[in-house]
Amino acid sequence: MKGSRNPCCPGLRSPDDDSQPQRGSWVVSHEGILKSPKFSQFLRNALEWLKPCPEALVGVHPRLDSLSQVLLGAGTRVQVGAGPSPSMGVFCMDAYDSSQAKGIVDFVKGGGGLLVGGQAWYWASQHGKEKVLFEFPGNQVTSVAGVYFTGNTVEKGIFKVAKKIPKIPLVVP
């Protein structure tokens, strides 16, 4: 995901900008992709895109041990179990823990890359769909870039993507 240049996260860019990432780039995905070896090529590509330089250290949240194994197997320099730090180029996390939200947001604002995976439909079924935008843990991080997980579900299928994506304002009940 690439967002617009934003005073909160100055490195986020518009979807029309296909150049290399600058400061504060994000990739948002389903957490299943972060945990599955069959998506290892996508994960390596995402991290290469996010890294400020090829040898950058990648931090991985402890709940994503399977991601650590995939990355280590591909020769990526990985630090497991720590929060984001200035020595890292990218931090990888799932969307279910907001305990490090401020540190992660500061890391991205400072130029770090973030790979985050999650979905909120199950959380919404347990806590209420109306609470997802403001209380779902992943939104404590991604919302600063205008990206929100929702409690909505979708049908499995093949969907066409419009050539021009409309700008739709977020409407909160």
C-alpha atoms as a PDB file:
ATOM      1  CA  MET A   1       0.000   0.000   0.000  1.00  0.00           C
ATOM      2  CA  LYS A   2       1.255   3.434  -0.843  1.00  0.00           C
ATOM      3  CA  GLY A   3      -0.613   6.411   0.567  1.00  0.00           C
ATOM      4  CA  SER A   4      -0.512  10.116  -0.269  1.00  0.00           C
ATOM      5  CA  ARG A   5       2.161  12.469   0.987  1.00  0.00           C
ATOM      6  CA  ASN A   6       0.896  13.176   4.413  1.00  0.00           C
ATOM      7  CA  PRO A   7       2.175  15.509   7.165  1.00  0.00           C
ATOM      8  CA  CYS A   8       1.899  12.636   9.667  1.00  0.00           C
ATOM      9  CA  CYS A   9       3.966  10.265   7.540  1.00  0.00           C
ATOM     10  CA  PRO A  10       5.883  12.374   5.044  1.00  0.00           C
ATOM     11  CA  GLY A  11       7.203   9.440   3.044  1.00  0.00           C
ATOM     12  CA  LEU A  12       3.864   7.956   2.069  1.00  0.00           C
ATOM     13  CA  ARG A  13       3.120   8.451  -1.590  1.00  0.00           C
ATOM     14  CA  SER A  14       0.165   8.520  -3.893  1.00  0.00           C
ATOM     15  CA  PRO A  15      -0.889   5.318  -5.672  1.00  0.00           C
ATOM     16  CA  ASP A  16       0.150   7.046  -8.932  1.00  0.00           C
ATOM     17  CA  ASP A  17       3.790   7.191  -7.772  1.00  0.00           C
ATOM     18  CA  ASP A  18       5.484   3.926  -8.783  1.00  0.00           C
ATOM     19  CA  SER A  19       9.011   5.063  -7.964  1.00  0.00           C
ATOM     20  CA  GLN A  20      11.127   3.533  -5.254  1.00  0.00           C
ATOM     21  CA  PRO A  21       9.933   4.202  -1.704  1.00  0.00           C
ATOM     22  CA  GLN A  22      11.365   7.124   0.170  1.00  0.00           C
ATOM     23  CA  ARG A  23      10.735   7.578   3.879  1.00  0.00           C
ATOM     24  CA  GLY A  24       7.919   5.886   5.726  1.00  0.00           C
ATOM     25  CA  SER A  25       6.691   3.275   3.256  1.00  0.00           C
ATOM     26  CA  TRP A  26       4.108   0.627   4.108  1.00  0.00           C
ATOM     27  CA  VAL A  27       2.924  -2.705   2.740  1.00  0.00           C
ATOM     28  CA  VAL A  28      -0.347  -3.969   4.234  1.00  0.00           C
ATOM     29  CA  SER A  29      -1.516  -7.543   3.687  1.00  0.00           C
ATOM     30  CA  HIS A  30      -3.521 -10.393   5.221  1.00  0.00           C
ATOM     31  CA  GLU A  31      -1.560 -11.985   8.067  1.00  0.00           C
ATOM     32  CA  GLY A  32      -1.874 -15.396   6.396  1.00  0.00           C
ATOM     33  CA  ILE A  33       0.451 -14.152   3.657  1.00  0.00           C
ATOM     34  CA  LEU A  34       3.056 -13.218   6.266  1.00  0.00           C
ATOM     35  CA  LYS A  35       2.896 -16.722   7.748  1.00  0.00           C
ATOM     36  CA  SER A  36       2.895 -18.829   4.576  1.00  0.00           C
ATOM     37  CA  PRO A  37       6.065 -20.026   2.826  1.00  0.00           C
ATOM     38  CA  LYS A  38       4.154 -20.181  -0.471  1.00  0.00           C
ATOM     39  CA  PHE A  39       4.193 -16.350  -0.484  1.00  0.00           C
ATOM     40  CA  SER A  40       7.944 -16.134   0.128  1.00  0.00           C
ATOM     41  CA  GLN A  41       8.629 -14.446  -3.229  1.00  0.00           C
ATOM     42  CA  PHE A  42       6.000 -11.766  -2.539  1.00  0.00           C
ATOM     43  CA  LEU A  43       7.441 -11.225   0.949  1.00  0.00           C
ATOM     44  CA  ARG A  44      11.013 -10.928  -0.334  1.00  0.00           C
ATOM     45  CA  ASN A  45       9.866  -8.493  -3.040  1.00  0.00           C
ATOM     46  CA  ALA A  46       7.903  -6.405  -0.512  1.00  0.00           C
ATOM     47  CA  LEU A  47      10.891  -6.211   1.814  1.00  0.00           C
ATOM     48  CA  GLU A  48      13.293  -5.303  -0.980  1.00  0.00           C
ATOM     49  CA  TRP A  49      10.908  -2.506  -1.933  1.00  0.00           C
ATOM     50  CA  LEU A  50      10.642  -1.316   1.674  1.00  0.00           C
ATOM     51  CA  LYS A  51      14.341  -1.522   2.597  1.00  0.00           C
ATOM     52  CA  PRO A  52      16.352   1.696   2.411  1.00  0.00           C
ATOM     53  CA  CYS A  53      19.354  -0.381   1.233  1.00  0.00           C
ATOM     54  CA  PRO A  54      19.845  -4.068   0.324  1.00  0.00           C
ATOM     55  CA  GLU A  55      21.724  -4.944   3.502  1.00  0.00           C
ATOM     56  CA  ALA A  56      19.202  -3.324   5.882  1.00  0.00           C
ATOM     57  CA  LEU A  57      18.242  -5.275   8.982  1.00  0.00           C
ATOM     58  CA  VAL A  58      14.631  -6.503   9.119  1.00  0.00           C
ATOM     59  CA  GLY A  59      12.936  -6.630  12.528  1.00  0.00           C
ATOM     60  CA  VAL A  60      10.223  -9.250  12.995  1.00  0.00           C
ATOM     61  CA  HIS A  61       7.617  -9.351  15.765  1.00  0.00           C
ATOM     62  CA  PRO A  62       7.909 -12.566  17.832  1.00  0.00           C
ATOM     63  CA  ARG A  63       4.467 -13.821  16.722  1.00  0.00           C
ATOM     64  CA  LEU A  64       5.742 -14.037  13.148  1.00  0.00           C
ATOM     65  CA  ASP A  65       8.336 -16.765  13.669  1.00  0.00           C
ATOM     66  CA  SER A  66       7.375 -18.478  10.401  1.00  0.00           C
ATOM     67  CA  LEU A  67       8.126 -15.202   8.557  1.00  0.00           C
ATOM     68  CA  SER A  68      11.523 -15.064  10.269  1.00  0.00           C
ATOM     69  CA  GLN A  69      12.282 -18.580   9.041  1.00  0.00           C
ATOM     70  CA  VAL A  70      11.307 -17.743   5.440  1.00  0.00           C
ATOM     71  CA  LEU A  71      13.435 -14.590   5.488  1.00  0.00           C
ATOM     72  CA  LEU A  72      16.436 -16.252   7.107  1.00  0.00           C
ATOM     73  CA  GLY A  73      16.227 -19.021   4.504  1.00  0.00           C
ATOM     74  CA  ALA A  74      16.408 -16.363   1.786  1.00  0.00           C
ATOM     75  CA  GLY A  75      19.517 -14.796   3.329  1.00  0.00           C
ATOM     76  CA  THR A  76      17.797 -11.748   4.824  1.00  0.00           C
ATOM     77  CA  ARG A  77      19.356 -10.191   7.926  1.00  0.00           C
ATOM     78  CA  VAL A  78      16.628 -10.628  10.564  1.00  0.00           C
ATOM     79  CA  GLN A  79      16.289  -9.530  14.186  1.00  0.00           C
ATOM     80  CA  VAL A  80      13.520 -11.475  15.901  1.00  0.00           C
ATOM     81  CA  GLY A  81      11.506 -10.475  18.911  1.00  0.00           C
ATOM     82  CA  ALA A  82      12.407  -6.843  19.202  1.00  0.00           C
ATOM     83  CA  GLY A  83      10.405  -3.743  18.582  1.00  0.00           C
ATOM     84  CA  PRO A  84      11.477  -1.362  15.847  1.00  0.00           C
ATOM     85  CA  SER A  85      14.826   0.338  16.346  1.00  0.00           C
ATOM     86  CA  PRO A  86      16.983   2.831  14.418  1.00  0.00           C
ATOM     87  CA  SER A  87      19.286  -0.041  13.366  1.00  0.00           C
ATOM     88  CA  MET A  88      16.447  -1.588  11.322  1.00  0.00           C
ATOM     89  CA  GLY A  89      15.348  -0.655   7.839  1.00  0.00           C
ATOM     90  CA  VAL A  90      12.016  -2.502   8.040  1.00  0.00           C
ATOM     91  CA  PHE A  91       9.788  -3.819  10.811  1.00  0.00           C
ATOM     92  CA  CYS A  92       7.296  -6.680  10.270  1.00  0.00           C
ATOM     93  CA  MET A  93       4.262  -7.179  12.498  1.00  0.00           C
ATOM     94  CA  ASP A  94       0.740  -8.497  12.596  1.00  0.00           C
ATOM     95  CA  ALA A  95      -2.199  -6.198  13.286  1.00  0.00           C
ATOM     96  CA  TYR A  96      -3.223  -7.682  16.653  1.00  0.00           C
ATOM     97  CA  ASP A  97      -0.987  -5.907  19.164  1.00  0.00           C
ATOM     98  CA  SER A  98      -1.028  -2.160  19.730  1.00  0.00           C
ATOM     99  CA  SER A  99       1.392  -2.174  22.691  1.00  0.00           C
ATOM    100  CA  GLN A 100       4.202  -0.799  20.478  1.00  0.00           C
ATOM    101  CA  ALA A 101       1.985   1.458  18.335  1.00  0.00           C
ATOM    102  CA  LYS A 102       3.701   4.734  19.215  1.00  0.00           C
ATOM    103  CA  GLY A 103       7.176   3.308  18.639  1.00  0.00           C
ATOM    104  CA  ILE A 104       6.118   1.788  15.310  1.00  0.00           C
ATOM    105  CA  VAL A 105       4.507   5.027  14.116  1.00  0.00           C
ATOM    106  CA  ASP A 106       7.646   6.965  15.128  1.00  0.00           C
ATOM    107  CA  PHE A 107       9.793   4.381  13.301  1.00  0.00           C
ATOM    108  CA  VAL A 108       7.826   4.856  10.077  1.00  0.00           C
ATOM    109  CA  LYS A 109       7.747   8.652  10.448  1.00  0.00           C
ATOM    110  CA  GLY A 110      11.523   8.474  10.818  1.00  0.00           C
ATOM    111  CA  GLY A 111      11.872   6.666   7.500  1.00  0.00           C
ATOM    112  CA  GLY A 112      11.489   2.989   8.383  1.00  0.00           C
ATOM    113  CA  GLY A 113       9.503   0.564   6.273  1.00  0.00           C
ATOM    114  CA  LEU A 114       6.588  -1.386   7.734  1.00  0.00           C
ATOM    115  CA  LEU A 115       5.194  -4.734   6.614  1.00  0.00           C
ATOM    116  CA  VAL A 116       1.957  -5.374   8.493  1.00  0.00           C
ATOM    117  CA  GLY A 117      -0.504  -8.213   8.082  1.00  0.00           C
ATOM    118  CA  GLY A 118      -3.974  -8.619   9.477  1.00  0.00           C
ATOM    119  CA  GLN A 119      -7.723  -8.590   9.073  1.00  0.00           C
ATOM    120  CA  ALA A 120     -10.359  -7.479  11.539  1.00  0.00           C
ATOM    121  CA  TRP A 121     -13.477  -9.544  10.785  1.00  0.00           C
ATOM    122  CA  TYR A 122     -12.911 -11.990  13.664  1.00  0.00           C
ATOM    123  CA  TRP A 123     -11.994  -9.197  16.086  1.00  0.00           C
ATOM    124  CA  ALA A 124     -15.188  -7.393  15.013  1.00  0.00           C
ATOM    125  CA  SER A 125     -17.265 -10.503  15.742  1.00  0.00           C
ATOM    126  CA  GLN A 126     -15.889 -10.548  19.297  1.00  0.00           C
ATOM    127  CA  HIS A 127     -15.848  -6.805  20.086  1.00  0.00           C
ATOM    128  CA  GLY A 128     -18.465  -5.300  17.769  1.00  0.00           C
ATOM    129  CA  LYS A 129     -18.142  -4.093  14.209  1.00  0.00           C
ATOM    130  CA  GLU A 130     -18.776  -0.497  15.287  1.00  0.00           C
ATOM    131  CA  LYS A 131     -15.571  -0.518  17.394  1.00  0.00           C
ATOM    132  CA  VAL A 132     -13.153  -1.655  14.674  1.00  0.00           C
ATOM    133  CA  LEU A 133     -12.117   1.726  13.238  1.00  0.00           C
ATOM    134  CA  PHE A 134     -11.092   3.202  16.580  1.00  0.00           C
ATOM    135  CA  GLU A 135     -10.242   0.186  18.747  1.00  0.00           C
ATOM    136  CA  PHE A 136      -8.853  -2.578  16.523  1.00  0.00           C
ATOM    137  CA  PRO A 137      -5.135  -2.794  17.469  1.00  0.00           C
ATOM    138  CA  GLY A 138      -3.800  -2.586  13.899  1.00  0.00           C
ATOM    139  CA  ASN A 139      -5.664   0.653  13.290  1.00  0.00           C
ATOM    140  CA  GLN A 140      -3.657   2.291  16.087  1.00  0.00           C
ATOM    141  CA  VAL A 141      -0.695   2.062  13.693  1.00  0.00           C
ATOM    142  CA  THR A 142      -2.123   2.202  10.165  1.00  0.00           C
ATOM    143  CA  SER A 143      -4.687   4.949  10.764  1.00  0.00           C
ATOM    144  CA  VAL A 144      -1.976   7.651  10.768  1.00  0.00           C
ATOM    145  CA  ALA A 145      -1.595   6.929   7.045  1.00  0.00           C
ATOM    146  CA  GLY A 146      -5.337   6.906   6.411  1.00  0.00           C
ATOM    147  CA  VAL A 147      -5.402   3.110   6.108  1.00  0.00           C
ATOM    148  CA  TYR A 148      -7.956   1.209   8.174  1.00  0.00           C
ATOM    149  CA  PHE A 149      -8.779  -2.407   8.778  1.00  0.00           C
ATOM    150  CA  THR A 150     -12.542  -2.961   8.839  1.00  0.00           C
ATOM    151  CA  GLY A 151     -14.773  -5.725  10.095  1.00  0.00           C
ATOM    152  CA  ASN A 152     -16.173  -6.297   6.620  1.00  0.00           C
ATOM    153  CA  THR A 153     -15.847  -9.649   4.916  1.00  0.00           C
ATOM    154  CA  VAL A 154     -15.672 -10.317   1.201  1.00  0.00           C
ATOM    155  CA  GLU A 155     -16.619 -13.162  -1.040  1.00  0.00           C
ATOM    156  CA  LYS A 156     -13.894 -15.237  -2.625  1.00  0.00           C
ATOM    157  CA  GLY A 157     -13.580 -14.504  -6.316  1.00  0.00           C
ATOM    158  CA  ILE A 158     -11.902 -12.610  -9.097  1.00  0.00           C
ATOM    159  CA  PHE A 159     -12.580  -8.891  -9.072  1.00  0.00           C
ATOM    160  CA  LYS A 160     -11.789  -6.227 -11.629  1.00  0.00           C
ATOM    161  CA  VAL A 161      -9.900  -3.175 -10.462  1.00  0.00           C
ATOM    162  CA  ALA A 162     -10.820   0.159 -12.005  1.00  0.00           C
ATOM    163  CA  LYS A 163      -8.059   1.940 -13.913  1.00  0.00           C
ATOM    164  CA  LYS A 164      -8.895   5.101 -11.994  1.00  0.00           C
ATOM    165  CA  ILE A 165      -9.516   4.569  -8.295  1.00  0.00           C
ATOM    166  CA  PRO A 166     -12.215   6.936  -7.009  1.00  0.00           C
ATOM    167  CA  LYS A 167     -11.558   9.041  -3.924  1.00  0.00           C
ATOM    168  CA  ILE A 168     -14.127   7.963  -1.370  1.00  0.00           C
ATOM    169  CA  PRO A 169     -14.283   9.773   1.966  1.00  0.00           C
ATOM    170  CA  LEU A 170     -14.299   7.662   5.105  1.00  0.00           C
ATOM    171  CA  VAL A 171     -17.723   7.916   6.725  1.00  0.00           C
ATOM    172  CA  VAL A 172     -17.809   6.962  10.397  1.00  0.00           C
ATOM    173  CA  PRO A 173     -21.219   6.286  11.985  1.00  0.00           C
END
